[in-house]
Amino acid sequence: MTACGKATPLETAALRPCVGCGLVLRETGGTPPPELSASAACFDRYGELLSRSYSLETYRPVH
């Protein structure tokens, strides 16, 4: 919610399952990657997790 009590676009976005894995996320309005069968929201989440994994020192030996 914004300071004036209105819902933000993300809060009003529809929940949709990913066509690849079935994870249900809010639509981001982005474009899904053409070479993968994934929703844009799922691919965004994957990028966030990948970035976090590479930034944590304890996970560096894994990569």
Protein backbone atom coordinates (compact mmCIF):
# COMPACT_ATOMS: atom_id res chain seq x y z
CA MET A 1 0.00 0.00 0.00
CA THR A 2 1.09 3.52 -0.66
CA ALA A 3 1.08 6.26 1.98
CA CYS A 4 -2.35 7.40 0.79
CA GLY A 5 -3.80 3.89 1.18
CA LYS A 6 -3.88 2.89 -2.49
CA ALA A 7 -2.70 -0.52 -3.62
CA THR A 8 0.49 -0.63 -5.64
CA PRO A 9 0.47 -2.35 -9.08
CA LEU A 10 2.35 -5.33 -7.66
CA GLU A 11 -0.29 -5.83 -4.97
CA THR A 12 -3.07 -5.89 -7.53
CA ALA A 13 -1.24 -8.09 -10.06
CA ALA A 14 -2.83 -11.46 -10.74
CA LEU A 15 -1.33 -14.67 -9.41
CA ARG A 16 -0.35 -17.07 -12.19
CA PRO A 17 1.42 -20.43 -12.23
CA CYS A 18 4.68 -20.75 -14.13
CA VAL A 19 4.24 -22.82 -17.29
CA GLY A 20 7.55 -24.57 -16.62
CA CYS A 21 7.53 -25.48 -12.92
CA GLY A 22 4.07 -24.54 -11.65
CA LEU A 23 5.26 -22.07 -9.00
CA VAL A 24 2.51 -19.51 -8.40
CA LEU A 25 3.77 -15.91 -8.41
CA ARG A 26 2.38 -12.45 -9.07
CA GLU A 27 2.69 -11.33 -12.67
CA THR A 28 5.53 -8.86 -13.12
CA GLY A 29 4.52 -7.50 -16.49
CA GLY A 30 7.87 -8.58 -17.88
CA THR A 31 8.54 -10.68 -20.94
CA PRO A 32 9.21 -14.37 -20.40
CA PRO A 33 12.50 -15.67 -21.78
CA PRO A 34 11.82 -17.03 -25.28
CA GLU A 35 14.31 -19.90 -25.05
CA LEU A 36 12.86 -21.26 -21.77
CA SER A 37 9.41 -22.44 -20.80
CA ALA A 38 9.14 -20.19 -17.76
CA SER A 39 6.99 -17.25 -16.76
CA ALA A 40 8.58 -13.82 -16.49
CA ALA A 41 7.94 -13.80 -12.74
CA CYS A 42 9.57 -17.19 -12.26
CA PHE A 43 12.60 -16.20 -14.33
CA ASP A 44 12.93 -13.00 -12.27
CA ARG A 45 12.85 -15.05 -9.07
CA TYR A 46 15.48 -17.40 -10.49
CA GLY A 47 17.73 -14.41 -11.21
CA GLU A 48 17.32 -13.13 -7.64
CA LEU A 49 18.21 -16.53 -6.18
CA LEU A 50 21.17 -16.98 -8.50
CA SER A 51 22.49 -13.54 -7.61
CA ARG A 52 22.14 -14.28 -3.90
CA SER A 53 23.85 -17.65 -4.25
CA TYR A 54 26.86 -16.12 -6.01
CA SER A 55 27.12 -13.29 -3.50
CA LEU A 56 27.28 -15.48 -0.37
CA GLU A 57 30.83 -16.35 0.59
CA THR A 58 29.83 -19.70 2.12
CA TYR A 59 28.47 -20.90 -1.26
CA ARG A 60 31.58 -20.00 -3.31
CA PRO A 61 33.13 -23.49 -3.13
CA VAL A 62 29.96 -24.89 -4.72
CA HIS A 63 30.39 -22.68 -7.78
